[in-house]
Amino acid sequence: LRKDGVFPTEMAEQEGATRGMTSRSEPASSASLGHRSQILTVTDVALM
């Protein structure tokens, strides 16, 4: 999908319609992201 320019947020395998949508995938490093101290100021966010 990424090669086709599509970025999936949810994905589920179709097997007899028994499975629902799985939660969106996360990279291994994301577990610690919410615990970081503030990096960006409001000025940085506005410029970015």
ModelCIF file with pLDDT and N, C-alpha, C, O atoms, coordinates in Angstrom:
data_MODEL
#
_entry.id   MODEL 
#
_entity.id                         1 
_entity.type                       polymer 
_entity.pdbx_number_of_molecules   1 
#
_entity_poly.entity_id                      1 
_entity_poly.type                           'polypeptide(L)' 
_entity_poly.nstd_linkage                   no 
_entity_poly.nstd_monomer                   no 
_entity_poly.pdbx_seq_one_letter_code       LRKDGVFPTEMAEQEGATRGMTSRSEPASSASLGHRSQILTVTDVALM 
_entity_poly.pdbx_seq_one_letter_code_can   LRKDGVFPTEMAEQEGATRGMTSRSEPASSASLGHRSQILTVTDVALM 
_entity_poly.pdbx_strand_id                 A 
#
loop_
_entity_poly_seq.entity_id 
_entity_poly_seq.num 
_entity_poly_seq.mon_id 
_entity_poly_seq.hetero 
1 1  LEU n 
1 2  ARG n 
1 3  LYS n 
1 4  ASP n 
1 5  GLY n 
1 6  VAL n 
1 7  PHE n 
1 8  PRO n 
1 9  THR n 
1 10 GLU n 
1 11 MET n 
1 12 ALA n 
1 13 GLU n 
1 14 GLN n 
1 15 GLU n 
1 16 GLY n 
1 17 ALA n 
1 18 THR n 
1 19 ARG n 
1 20 GLY n 
1 21 MET n 
1 22 THR n 
1 23 SER n 
1 24 ARG n 
1 25 SER n 
1 26 GLU n 
1 27 PRO n 
1 28 ALA n 
1 29 SER n 
1 30 SER n 
1 31 ALA n 
1 32 SER n 
1 33 LEU n 
1 34 GLY n 
1 35 HIS n 
1 36 ARG n 
1 37 SER n 
1 38 GLN n 
1 39 ILE n 
1 40 LEU n 
1 41 THR n 
1 42 VAL n 
1 43 THR n 
1 44 ASP n 
1 45 VAL n 
1 46 ALA n 
1 47 LEU n 
1 48 MET n 
#
_struct_asym.id          A 
_struct_asym.entity_id   1 
#
loop_
_ma_qa_metric.id 
_ma_qa_metric.mode 
_ma_qa_metric.name 
_ma_qa_metric.software_group_id 
_ma_qa_metric.type 
1 global pLDDT . pLDDT 
2 local  pLDDT . pLDDT 
#
_ma_qa_metric_global.metric_id      1 
_ma_qa_metric_global.metric_value   59.38 
_ma_qa_metric_global.model_id       1 
_ma_qa_metric_global.ordinal_id     1 
#
loop_
_ma_qa_metric_local.label_asym_id 
_ma_qa_metric_local.label_comp_id 
_ma_qa_metric_local.label_seq_id 
_ma_qa_metric_local.metric_id 
_ma_qa_metric_local.metric_value 
_ma_qa_metric_local.model_id 
_ma_qa_metric_local.ordinal_id 
A LEU 1  2 77.00 1 1  
A ARG 2  2 71.00 1 2  
A LYS 3  2 74.00 1 3  
A ASP 4  2 76.00 1 4  
A GLY 5  2 73.00 1 5  
A VAL 6  2 75.00 1 6  
A PHE 7  2 67.00 1 7  
A PRO 8  2 69.00 1 8  
A THR 9  2 64.00 1 9  
A GLU 10 2 70.00 1 10 
A MET 11 2 71.00 1 11 
A ALA 12 2 74.00 1 12 
A GLU 13 2 71.00 1 13 
A GLN 14 2 62.00 1 14 
A GLU 15 2 51.00 1 15 
A GLY 16 2 42.00 1 16 
A ALA 17 2 35.00 1 17 
A THR 18 2 33.00 1 18 
A ARG 19 2 36.00 1 19 
A GLY 20 2 37.00 1 20 
A MET 21 2 38.00 1 21 
A THR 22 2 38.00 1 22 
A SER 23 2 37.00 1 23 
A ARG 24 2 37.00 1 24 
A SER 25 2 38.00 1 25 
A GLU 26 2 39.00 1 26 
A PRO 27 2 39.00 1 27 
A ALA 28 2 36.00 1 28 
A SER 29 2 41.00 1 29 
A SER 30 2 39.00 1 30 
A ALA 31 2 38.00 1 31 
A SER 32 2 42.00 1 32 
A LEU 33 2 42.00 1 33 
A GLY 34 2 43.00 1 34 
A HIS 35 2 44.00 1 35 
A ARG 36 2 52.00 1 36 
A SER 37 2 60.00 1 37 
A GLN 38 2 64.00 1 38 
A ILE 39 2 75.00 1 39 
A LEU 40 2 81.00 1 40 
A THR 41 2 85.00 1 41 
A VAL 42 2 84.00 1 42 
A THR 43 2 87.00 1 43 
A ASP 44 2 88.00 1 44 
A VAL 45 2 88.00 1 45 
A ALA 46 2 88.00 1 46 
A LEU 47 2 89.00 1 47 
A MET 48 2 90.00 1 48 
#
loop_
_atom_site.group_PDB 
_atom_site.id 
_atom_site.type_symbol 
_atom_site.label_atom_id 
_atom_site.label_alt_id 
_atom_site.label_comp_id 
_atom_site.label_asym_id 
_atom_site.label_entity_id 
_atom_site.label_seq_id 
_atom_site.pdbx_PDB_ins_code 
_atom_site.Cartn_x 
_atom_site.Cartn_y 
_atom_site.Cartn_z 
_atom_site.occupancy 
_atom_site.B_iso_or_equiv 
_atom_site.pdbx_formal_charge 
_atom_site.auth_seq_id 
_atom_site.auth_comp_id 
_atom_site.auth_asym_id 
_atom_site.auth_atom_id 
_atom_site.pdbx_PDB_model_num 
ATOM 1   N N  . LEU A 1 1  ? 0.822   -1.207  0.000  1.00 77.00 ? 1  LEU A N  1 
ATOM 2   C CA . LEU A 1 1  ? 0.000   0.000   0.000  1.00 77.00 ? 1  LEU A CA 1 
ATOM 3   C C  . LEU A 1 1  ? 0.860   1.262   0.000  1.00 77.00 ? 1  LEU A C  1 
ATOM 4   O O  . LEU A 1 1  ? 0.533   2.237   -0.677 1.00 77.00 ? 1  LEU A O  1 
ATOM 5   N N  . ARG A 1 2  ? 1.960   1.247   0.759  1.00 71.00 ? 2  ARG A N  1 
ATOM 6   C CA . ARG A 1 2  ? 2.816   2.428   0.794  1.00 71.00 ? 2  ARG A CA 1 
ATOM 7   C C  . ARG A 1 2  ? 3.454   2.694   -0.566 1.00 71.00 ? 2  ARG A C  1 
ATOM 8   O O  . ARG A 1 2  ? 3.660   3.846   -0.947 1.00 71.00 ? 2  ARG A O  1 
ATOM 9   N N  . LYS A 1 3  ? 3.771   1.605   -1.307 1.00 74.00 ? 3  LYS A N  1 
ATOM 10  C CA . LYS A 1 3  ? 4.314   1.790   -2.659 1.00 74.00 ? 3  LYS A CA 1 
ATOM 11  C C  . LYS A 1 3  ? 3.292   2.443   -3.576 1.00 74.00 ? 3  LYS A C  1 
ATOM 12  O O  . LYS A 1 3  ? 3.650   3.155   -4.514 1.00 74.00 ? 3  LYS A O  1 
ATOM 13  N N  . ASP A 1 4  ? 2.006   2.192   -3.295 1.00 76.00 ? 4  ASP A N  1 
ATOM 14  C CA . ASP A 1 4  ? 0.933   2.801   -4.095 1.00 76.00 ? 4  ASP A CA 1 
ATOM 15  C C  . ASP A 1 4  ? 0.520   4.172   -3.577 1.00 76.00 ? 4  ASP A C  1 
ATOM 16  O O  . ASP A 1 4  ? -0.414  4.783   -4.096 1.00 76.00 ? 4  ASP A O  1 
ATOM 17  N N  . GLY A 1 5  ? 1.230   4.662   -2.534 1.00 73.00 ? 5  GLY A N  1 
ATOM 18  C CA . GLY A 1 5  ? 0.914   5.987   -2.002 1.00 73.00 ? 5  GLY A CA 1 
ATOM 19  C C  . GLY A 1 5  ? -0.227  5.991   -1.025 1.00 73.00 ? 5  GLY A C  1 
ATOM 20  O O  . GLY A 1 5  ? -0.822  7.042   -0.786 1.00 73.00 ? 5  GLY A O  1 
ATOM 21  N N  . VAL A 1 6  ? -0.560  4.840   -0.445 1.00 75.00 ? 6  VAL A N  1 
ATOM 22  C CA . VAL A 1 6  ? -1.639  4.745   0.531  1.00 75.00 ? 6  VAL A CA 1 
ATOM 23  C C  . VAL A 1 6  ? -1.025  4.392   1.885  1.00 75.00 ? 6  VAL A C  1 
ATOM 24  O O  . VAL A 1 6  ? -0.176  3.507   1.980  1.00 75.00 ? 6  VAL A O  1 
ATOM 25  N N  . PHE A 1 7  ? -1.467  5.096   2.931  1.00 67.00 ? 7  PHE A N  1 
ATOM 26  C CA . PHE A 1 7  ? -0.934  4.869   4.272  1.00 67.00 ? 7  PHE A CA 1 
ATOM 27  C C  . PHE A 1 7  ? -2.058  4.326   5.146  1.00 67.00 ? 7  PHE A C  1 
ATOM 28  O O  . PHE A 1 7  ? -2.920  5.090   5.583  1.00 67.00 ? 7  PHE A O  1 
ATOM 29  N N  . PRO A 1 8  ? -2.065  3.018   5.409  1.00 69.00 ? 8  PRO A N  1 
ATOM 30  C CA . PRO A 1 8  ? -3.173  2.407   6.165  1.00 69.00 ? 8  PRO A CA 1 
ATOM 31  C C  . PRO A 1 8  ? -3.130  2.775   7.639  1.00 69.00 ? 8  PRO A C  1 
ATOM 32  O O  . PRO A 1 8  ? -2.064  2.820   8.253  1.00 69.00 ? 8  PRO A O  1 
ATOM 33  N N  . THR A 1 9  ? -4.304  3.036   8.194  1.00 64.00 ? 9  THR A N  1 
ATOM 34  C CA . THR A 1 9  ? -4.428  3.285   9.630  1.00 64.00 ? 9  THR A CA 1 
ATOM 35  C C  . THR A 1 9  ? -5.068  2.106   10.351 1.00 64.00 ? 9  THR A C  1 
ATOM 36  O O  . THR A 1 9  ? -4.837  1.912   11.545 1.00 64.00 ? 9  THR A O  1 
ATOM 37  N N  . GLU A 1 10 ? -5.873  1.314   9.638  1.00 70.00 ? 10 GLU A N  1 
ATOM 38  C CA . GLU A 1 10 ? -6.500  0.123   10.198 1.00 70.00 ? 10 GLU A CA 1 
ATOM 39  C C  . GLU A 1 10 ? -6.464  -0.977  9.146  1.00 70.00 ? 10 GLU A C  1 
ATOM 40  O O  . GLU A 1 10 ? -6.593  -0.716  7.950  1.00 70.00 ? 10 GLU A O  1 
ATOM 41  N N  . MET A 1 11 ? -6.287  -2.212  9.610  1.00 71.00 ? 11 MET A N  1 
ATOM 42  C CA . MET A 1 11 ? -6.196  -3.327  8.674  1.00 71.00 ? 11 MET A CA 1 
ATOM 43  C C  . MET A 1 11 ? -6.702  -4.593  9.349  1.00 71.00 ? 11 MET A C  1 
ATOM 44  O O  . MET A 1 11 ? -6.404  -4.845  10.516 1.00 71.00 ? 11 MET A O  1 
ATOM 45  N N  . ALA A 1 12 ? -7.469  -5.387  8.610  1.00 74.00 ? 12 ALA A N  1 
ATOM 46  C CA . ALA A 1 12 ? -7.992  -6.640  9.149  1.00 74.00 ? 12 ALA A CA 1 
ATOM 47  C C  . ALA A 1 12 ? -8.002  -7.688  8.039  1.00 74.00 ? 12 ALA A C  1 
ATOM 48  O O  . ALA A 1 12 ? -8.346  -7.398  6.893  1.00 74.00 ? 12 ALA A O  1 
ATOM 49  N N  . GLU A 1 13 ? -7.616  -8.910  8.404  1.00 71.00 ? 13 GLU A N  1 
ATOM 50  C CA . GLU A 1 13 ? -7.623  -10.007 7.434  1.00 71.00 ? 13 GLU A CA 1 
ATOM 51  C C  . GLU A 1 13 ? -9.047  -10.522 7.263  1.00 71.00 ? 13 GLU A C  1 
ATOM 52  O O  . GLU A 1 13 ? -9.754  -10.732 8.248  1.00 71.00 ? 13 GLU A O  1 
ATOM 53  N N  . GLN A 1 14 ? -9.463  -10.722 6.034  1.00 62.00 ? 14 GLN A N  1 
ATOM 54  C CA . GLN A 1 14 ? -10.803 -11.226 5.739  1.00 62.00 ? 14 GLN A CA 1 
ATOM 55  C C  . GLN A 1 14 ? -10.768 -12.748 5.736  1.00 62.00 ? 14 GLN A C  1 
ATOM 56  O O  . GLN A 1 14 ? -10.305 -13.379 4.785  1.00 62.00 ? 14 GLN A O  1 
ATOM 57  N N  . GLU A 1 15 ? -11.269 -13.316 6.821  1.00 51.00 ? 15 GLU A N  1 
ATOM 58  C CA . GLU A 1 15 ? -11.361 -14.768 6.940  1.00 51.00 ? 15 GLU A CA 1 
ATOM 59  C C  . GLU A 1 15 ? -12.752 -15.116 7.430  1.00 51.00 ? 15 GLU A C  1 
ATOM 60  O O  . GLU A 1 15 ? -13.000 -15.206 8.633  1.00 51.00 ? 15 GLU A O  1 
ATOM 61  N N  . GLY A 1 16 ? -13.637 -15.307 6.503  1.00 42.00 ? 16 GLY A N  1 
ATOM 62  C CA . GLY A 1 16 ? -15.002 -15.663 6.873  1.00 42.00 ? 16 GLY A CA 1 
ATOM 63  C C  . GLY A 1 16 ? -15.704 -14.565 7.640  1.00 42.00 ? 16 GLY A C  1 
ATOM 64  O O  . GLY A 1 16 ? -16.689 -14.794 8.342  1.00 42.00 ? 16 GLY A O  1 
ATOM 65  N N  . ALA A 1 17 ? -15.171 -13.370 7.487  1.00 35.00 ? 17 ALA A N  1 
ATOM 66  C CA . ALA A 1 17 ? -15.762 -12.181 8.132  1.00 35.00 ? 17 ALA A CA 1 
ATOM 67  C C  . ALA A 1 17 ? -15.856 -12.354 9.642  1.00 35.00 ? 17 ALA A C  1 
ATOM 68  O O  . ALA A 1 17 ? -16.772 -11.838 10.283 1.00 35.00 ? 17 ALA A O  1 
ATOM 69  N N  . THR A 1 18 ? -14.893 -13.089 10.202 1.00 33.00 ? 18 THR A N  1 
ATOM 70  C CA . THR A 1 18 ? -14.923 -13.319 11.645 1.00 33.00 ? 18 THR A CA 1 
ATOM 71  C C  . THR A 1 18 ? -14.058 -12.345 12.403 1.00 33.00 ? 18 THR A C  1 
ATOM 72  O O  . THR A 1 18 ? -14.248 -12.160 13.605 1.00 33.00 ? 18 THR A O  1 
ATOM 73  N N  . ARG A 1 19 ? -13.102 -11.709 11.727 1.00 36.00 ? 19 ARG A N  1 
ATOM 74  C CA . ARG A 1 19 ? -12.218 -10.780 12.428 1.00 36.00 ? 19 ARG A CA 1 
ATOM 75  C C  . ARG A 1 19 ? -12.632 -9.355  12.157 1.00 36.00 ? 19 ARG A C  1 
ATOM 76  O O  . ARG A 1 19 ? -13.053 -9.015  11.051 1.00 36.00 ? 19 ARG A O  1 
ATOM 77  N N  . GLY A 1 20 ? -12.512 -8.532  13.166 1.00 37.00 ? 20 GLY A N  1 
ATOM 78  C CA . GLY A 1 20 ? -12.799 -7.108  12.988 1.00 37.00 ? 20 GLY A CA 1 
ATOM 79  C C  . GLY A 1 20 ? -11.531 -6.352  12.715 1.00 37.00 ? 20 GLY A C  1 
ATOM 80  O O  . GLY A 1 20 ? -10.452 -6.930  12.585 1.00 37.00 ? 20 GLY A O  1 
ATOM 81  N N  . MET A 1 21 ? -11.672 -5.080  12.630 1.00 38.00 ? 21 MET A N  1 
ATOM 82  C CA . MET A 1 21 ? -10.524 -4.220  12.396 1.00 38.00 ? 21 MET A CA 1 
ATOM 83  C C  . MET A 1 21 ? -9.591  -4.261  13.600 1.00 38.00 ? 21 MET A C  1 
ATOM 84  O O  . MET A 1 21 ? -10.029 -4.155  14.746 1.00 38.00 ? 21 MET A O  1 
ATOM 85  N N  . THR A 1 22 ? -8.327  -4.413  13.328 1.00 38.00 ? 22 THR A N  1 
ATOM 86  C CA . THR A 1 22 ? -7.337  -4.354  14.394 1.00 38.00 ? 22 THR A CA 1 
ATOM 87  C C  . THR A 1 22 ? -6.962  -2.923  14.651 1.00 38.00 ? 22 THR A C  1 
ATOM 88  O O  . THR A 1 22 ? -7.210  -2.034  13.837 1.00 38.00 ? 22 THR A O  1 
ATOM 89  N N  . SER A 1 23 ? -6.373  -2.720  15.776 1.00 37.00 ? 23 SER A N  1 
ATOM 90  C CA . SER A 1 23 ? -5.930  -1.355  16.084 1.00 37.00 ? 23 SER A CA 1 
ATOM 91  C C  . SER A 1 23 ? -4.788  -0.977  15.180 1.00 37.00 ? 23 SER A C  1 
ATOM 92  O O  . SER A 1 23 ? -4.069  -1.842  14.679 1.00 37.00 ? 23 SER A O  1 
ATOM 93  N N  . ARG A 1 24 ? -4.616  0.308   14.970 1.00 37.00 ? 24 ARG A N  1 
ATOM 94  C CA . ARG A 1 24 ? -3.584  0.795   14.071 1.00 37.00 ? 24 ARG A CA 1 
ATOM 95  C C  . ARG A 1 24 ? -2.221  0.397   14.598 1.00 37.00 ? 24 ARG A C  1 
ATOM 96  O O  . ARG A 1 24 ? -1.988  0.354   15.806 1.00 37.00 ? 24 ARG A O  1 
ATOM 97  N N  . SER A 1 25 ? -1.334  0.111   13.676 1.00 38.00 ? 25 SER A N  1 
ATOM 98  C CA . SER A 1 25 ? -0.012  -0.370  14.058 1.00 38.00 ? 25 SER A CA 1 
ATOM 99  C C  . SER A 1 25 ? 0.839   0.756   14.590 1.00 38.00 ? 25 SER A C  1 
ATOM 100 O O  . SER A 1 25 ? 0.642   1.921   14.245 1.00 38.00 ? 25 SER A O  1 
ATOM 101 N N  . GLU A 1 26 ? 1.800   0.396   15.443 1.00 39.00 ? 26 GLU A N  1 
ATOM 102 C CA . GLU A 1 26 ? 2.699   1.374   16.016 1.00 39.00 ? 26 GLU A CA 1 
ATOM 103 C C  . GLU A 1 26 ? 4.113   0.836   15.934 1.00 39.00 ? 26 GLU A C  1 
ATOM 104 O O  . GLU A 1 26 ? 4.330   -0.360  16.134 1.00 39.00 ? 26 GLU A O  1 
ATOM 105 N N  . PRO A 1 27 ? 5.076   1.691   15.645 1.00 39.00 ? 27 PRO A N  1 
ATOM 106 C CA . PRO A 1 27 ? 6.442   1.243   15.647 1.00 39.00 ? 27 PRO A CA 1 
ATOM 107 C C  . PRO A 1 27 ? 6.926   0.954   17.053 1.00 39.00 ? 27 PRO A C  1 
ATOM 108 O O  . PRO A 1 27 ? 6.336   1.410   18.032 1.00 39.00 ? 27 PRO A O  1 
ATOM 109 N N  . ALA A 1 28 ? 8.007   0.191   17.146 1.00 36.00 ? 28 ALA A N  1 
ATOM 110 C CA . ALA A 1 28 ? 8.492   -0.230  18.453 1.00 36.00 ? 28 ALA A CA 1 
ATOM 111 C C  . ALA A 1 28 ? 8.898   0.939   19.323 1.00 36.00 ? 28 ALA A C  1 
ATOM 112 O O  . ALA A 1 28 ? 8.814   0.864   20.549 1.00 36.00 ? 28 ALA A O  1 
ATOM 113 N N  . SER A 1 29 ? 9.341   2.028   18.693 1.00 41.00 ? 29 SER A N  1 
ATOM 114 C CA . SER A 1 29 ? 9.826   3.160   19.472 1.00 41.00 ? 29 SER A CA 1 
ATOM 115 C C  . SER A 1 29 ? 8.721   4.025   20.021 1.00 41.00 ? 29 SER A C  1 
ATOM 116 O O  . SER A 1 29 ? 8.994   4.925   20.815 1.00 41.00 ? 29 SER A O  1 
ATOM 117 N N  . SER A 1 30 ? 7.492   3.792   19.633 1.00 39.00 ? 30 SER A N  1 
ATOM 118 C CA . SER A 1 30 ? 6.406   4.695   20.022 1.00 39.00 ? 30 SER A CA 1 
ATOM 119 C C  . SER A 1 30 ? 6.014   4.561   21.468 1.00 39.00 ? 30 SER A C  1 
ATOM 120 O O  . SER A 1 30 ? 5.357   5.453   22.006 1.00 39.00 ? 30 SER A O  1 
ATOM 121 N N  . ALA A 1 31 ? 6.388   3.490   22.113 1.00 38.00 ? 31 ALA A N  1 
ATOM 122 C CA . ALA A 1 31 ? 5.959   3.293   23.490 1.00 38.00 ? 31 ALA A CA 1 
ATOM 123 C C  . ALA A 1 31 ? 6.480   4.366   24.417 1.00 38.00 ? 31 ALA A C  1 
ATOM 124 O O  . ALA A 1 31 ? 5.839   4.719   25.407 1.00 38.00 ? 31 ALA A O  1 
ATOM 125 N N  . SER A 1 32 ? 7.632   4.871   24.090 1.00 42.00 ? 32 SER A N  1 
ATOM 126 C CA . SER A 1 32 ? 8.241   5.868   24.969 1.00 42.00 ? 32 SER A CA 1 
ATOM 127 C C  . SER A 1 32 ? 7.963   7.297   24.551 1.00 42.00 ? 32 SER A C  1 
ATOM 128 O O  . SER A 1 32 ? 8.402   8.224   25.231 1.00 42.00 ? 32 SER A O  1 
ATOM 129 N N  . LEU A 1 33 ? 7.238   7.509   23.437 1.00 42.00 ? 33 LEU A N  1 
ATOM 130 C CA . LEU A 1 33 ? 7.072   8.862   22.921 1.00 42.00 ? 33 LEU A CA 1 
ATOM 131 C C  . LEU A 1 33 ? 6.298   9.745   23.871 1.00 42.00 ? 33 LEU A C  1 
ATOM 132 O O  . LEU A 1 33 ? 6.660   10.905  24.069 1.00 42.00 ? 33 LEU A O  1 
ATOM 133 N N  . GLY A 1 34 ? 5.233   9.218   24.467 1.00 43.00 ? 34 GLY A N  1 
ATOM 134 C CA . GLY A 1 34 ? 4.397   10.049  25.328 1.00 43.00 ? 34 GLY A CA 1 
ATOM 135 C C  . GLY A 1 34 ? 5.073   10.429  26.628 1.00 43.00 ? 34 GLY A C  1 
ATOM 136 O O  . GLY A 1 34 ? 4.574   11.294  27.347 1.00 43.00 ? 34 GLY A O  1 
ATOM 137 N N  . HIS A 1 35 ? 6.223   9.790   26.956 1.00 44.00 ? 35 HIS A N  1 
ATOM 138 C CA . HIS A 1 35 ? 6.887   10.066  28.220 1.00 44.00 ? 35 HIS A CA 1 
ATOM 139 C C  . HIS A 1 35 ? 8.001   11.086  28.076 1.00 44.00 ? 35 HIS A C  1 
ATOM 140 O O  . HIS A 1 35 ? 8.651   11.432  29.063 1.00 44.00 ? 35 HIS A O  1 
ATOM 141 N N  . ARG A 1 36 ? 8.233   11.572  26.871 1.00 52.00 ? 36 ARG A N  1 
ATOM 142 C CA . ARG A 1 36 ? 9.281   12.554  26.688 1.00 52.00 ? 36 ARG A CA 1 
ATOM 143 C C  . ARG A 1 36 ? 8.862   13.906  27.240 1.00 52.00 ? 36 ARG A C  1 
ATOM 144 O O  . ARG A 1 36 ? 7.677   14.222  27.344 1.00 52.00 ? 36 ARG A O  1 
ATOM 145 N N  . SER A 1 37 ? 9.867   14.690  27.589 1.00 60.00 ? 37 SER A N  1 
ATOM 146 C CA . SER A 1 37 ? 9.576   16.058  27.991 1.00 60.00 ? 37 SER A CA 1 
ATOM 147 C C  . SER A 1 37 ? 9.274   16.889  26.750 1.00 60.00 ? 37 SER A C  1 
ATOM 148 O O  . SER A 1 37 ? 9.491   16.447  25.622 1.00 60.00 ? 37 SER A O  1 
ATOM 149 N N  . GLN A 1 38 ? 8.772   18.092  26.976 1.00 64.00 ? 38 GLN A N  1 
ATOM 150 C CA . GLN A 1 38 ? 8.391   18.945  25.853 1.00 64.00 ? 38 GLN A CA 1 
ATOM 151 C C  . GLN A 1 38 ? 9.612   19.299  25.028 1.00 64.00 ? 38 GLN A C  1 
ATOM 152 O O  . GLN A 1 38 ? 10.648  19.688  25.569 1.00 64.00 ? 38 GLN A O  1 
ATOM 153 N N  . ILE A 1 39 ? 9.487   19.164  23.709 1.00 75.00 ? 39 ILE A N  1 
ATOM 154 C CA . ILE A 1 39 ? 10.574  19.453  22.783 1.00 75.00 ? 39 ILE A CA 1 
ATOM 155 C C  . ILE A 1 39 ? 10.284  20.720  22.002 1.00 75.00 ? 39 ILE A C  1 
ATOM 156 O O  . ILE A 1 39 ? 11.172  21.552  21.814 1.00 75.00 ? 39 ILE A O  1 
ATOM 157 N N  . LEU A 1 40 ? 9.048   20.876  21.545 1.00 81.00 ? 40 LEU A N  1 
ATOM 158 C CA . LEU A 1 40 ? 8.676   21.988  20.682 1.00 81.00 ? 40 LEU A CA 1 
ATOM 159 C C  . LEU A 1 40 ? 8.024   23.115  21.485 1.00 81.00 ? 40 LEU A C  1 
ATOM 160 O O  . LEU A 1 40 ? 7.180   22.873  22.348 1.00 81.00 ? 40 LEU A O  1 
ATOM 161 N N  . THR A 1 41 ? 8.430   24.341  21.187 1.00 85.00 ? 41 THR A N  1 
ATOM 162 C CA . THR A 1 41 ? 7.710   25.499  21.703 1.00 85.00 ? 41 THR A CA 1 
ATOM 163 C C  . THR A 1 41 ? 6.539   25.790  20.757 1.00 85.00 ? 41 THR A C  1 
ATOM 164 O O  . THR A 1 41 ? 6.450   25.221  19.669 1.00 85.00 ? 41 THR A O  1 
ATOM 165 N N  . VAL A 1 42 ? 5.648   26.683  21.190 1.00 84.00 ? 42 VAL A N  1 
ATOM 166 C CA . VAL A 1 42 ? 4.518   27.045  20.330 1.00 84.00 ? 42 VAL A CA 1 
ATOM 167 C C  . VAL A 1 42 ? 5.019   27.686  19.040 1.00 84.00 ? 42 VAL A C  1 
ATOM 168 O O  . VAL A 1 42 ? 4.435   27.481  17.975 1.00 84.00 ? 42 VAL A O  1 
ATOM 169 N N  . THR A 1 43 ? 6.093   28.458  19.132 1.00 87.00 ? 43 THR A N  1 
ATOM 170 C CA . THR A 1 43 ? 6.689   29.070  17.940 1.00 87.00 ? 43 THR A CA 1 
ATOM 171 C C  . THR A 1 43 ? 7.198   28.001  16.983 1.00 87.00 ? 43 THR A C  1 
ATOM 172 O O  . THR A 1 43 ? 7.003   28.105  15.772 1.00 87.00 ? 43 THR A O  1 
ATOM 173 N N  . ASP A 1 44 ? 7.852   26.968  17.523 1.00 88.00 ? 44 ASP A N  1 
ATOM 174 C CA . ASP A 1 44 ? 8.335   25.866  16.687 1.00 88.00 ? 44 ASP A CA 1 
ATOM 175 C C  . ASP A 1 44 ? 7.181   25.159  15.988 1.00 88.00 ? 44 ASP A C  1 
ATOM 176 O O  . ASP A 1 44 ? 7.265   24.846  14.800 1.00 88.00 ? 44 ASP A O  1 
ATOM 177 N N  . VAL A 1 45 ? 6.098   24.907  16.732 1.00 88.00 ? 45 VAL A N  1 
ATOM 178 C CA . VAL A 1 45 ? 4.943   24.208  16.160 1.00 88.00 ? 45 VAL A CA 1 
ATOM 179 C C  . VAL A 1 45 ? 4.304   25.040  15.053 1.00 88.00 ? 45 VAL A C  1 
ATOM 180 O O  . VAL A 1 45 ? 3.946   24.507  14.003 1.00 88.00 ? 45 VAL A O  1 
ATOM 181 N N  . ALA A 1 46 ? 4.161   26.346  15.283 1.00 88.00 ? 46 ALA A N  1 
ATOM 182 C CA . ALA A 1 46 ? 3.558   27.223  14.272 1.00 88.00 ? 46 ALA A CA 1 
ATOM 183 C C  . ALA A 1 46 ? 4.398   27.251  13.005 1.00 88.00 ? 46 ALA A C  1 
ATOM 184 O O  . ALA A 1 46 ? 3.862   27.171  11.899 1.00 88.00 ? 46 ALA A O  1 
ATOM 185 N N  . LEU A 1 47 ? 5.719   27.365  13.162 1.00 89.00 ? 47 LEU A N  1 
ATOM 186 C CA . LEU A 1 47 ? 6.611   27.409  11.996 1.00 89.00 ? 47 LEU A CA 1 
ATOM 187 C C  . LEU A 1 47 ? 6.593   26.078  11.251 1.00 89.00 ? 47 LEU A C  1 
ATOM 188 O O  . LEU A 1 47 ? 6.517   26.055  10.022 1.00 89.00 ? 47 LEU A O  1 
ATOM 189 N N  . MET A 1 48 ? 6.662   24.970  11.987 1.00 90.00 ? 48 MET A N  1 
ATOM 190 C CA . MET A 1 48 ? 6.657   23.660  11.365 1.00 90.00 ? 48 MET A CA 1 
ATOM 191 C C  . MET A 1 48 ? 5.342   23.402  10.635 1.00 90.00 ? 48 MET A C  1 
ATOM 192 O O  . MET A 1 48 ? 5.161   22.335  10.048 1.00 90.00 ? 48 MET A O  1 
#
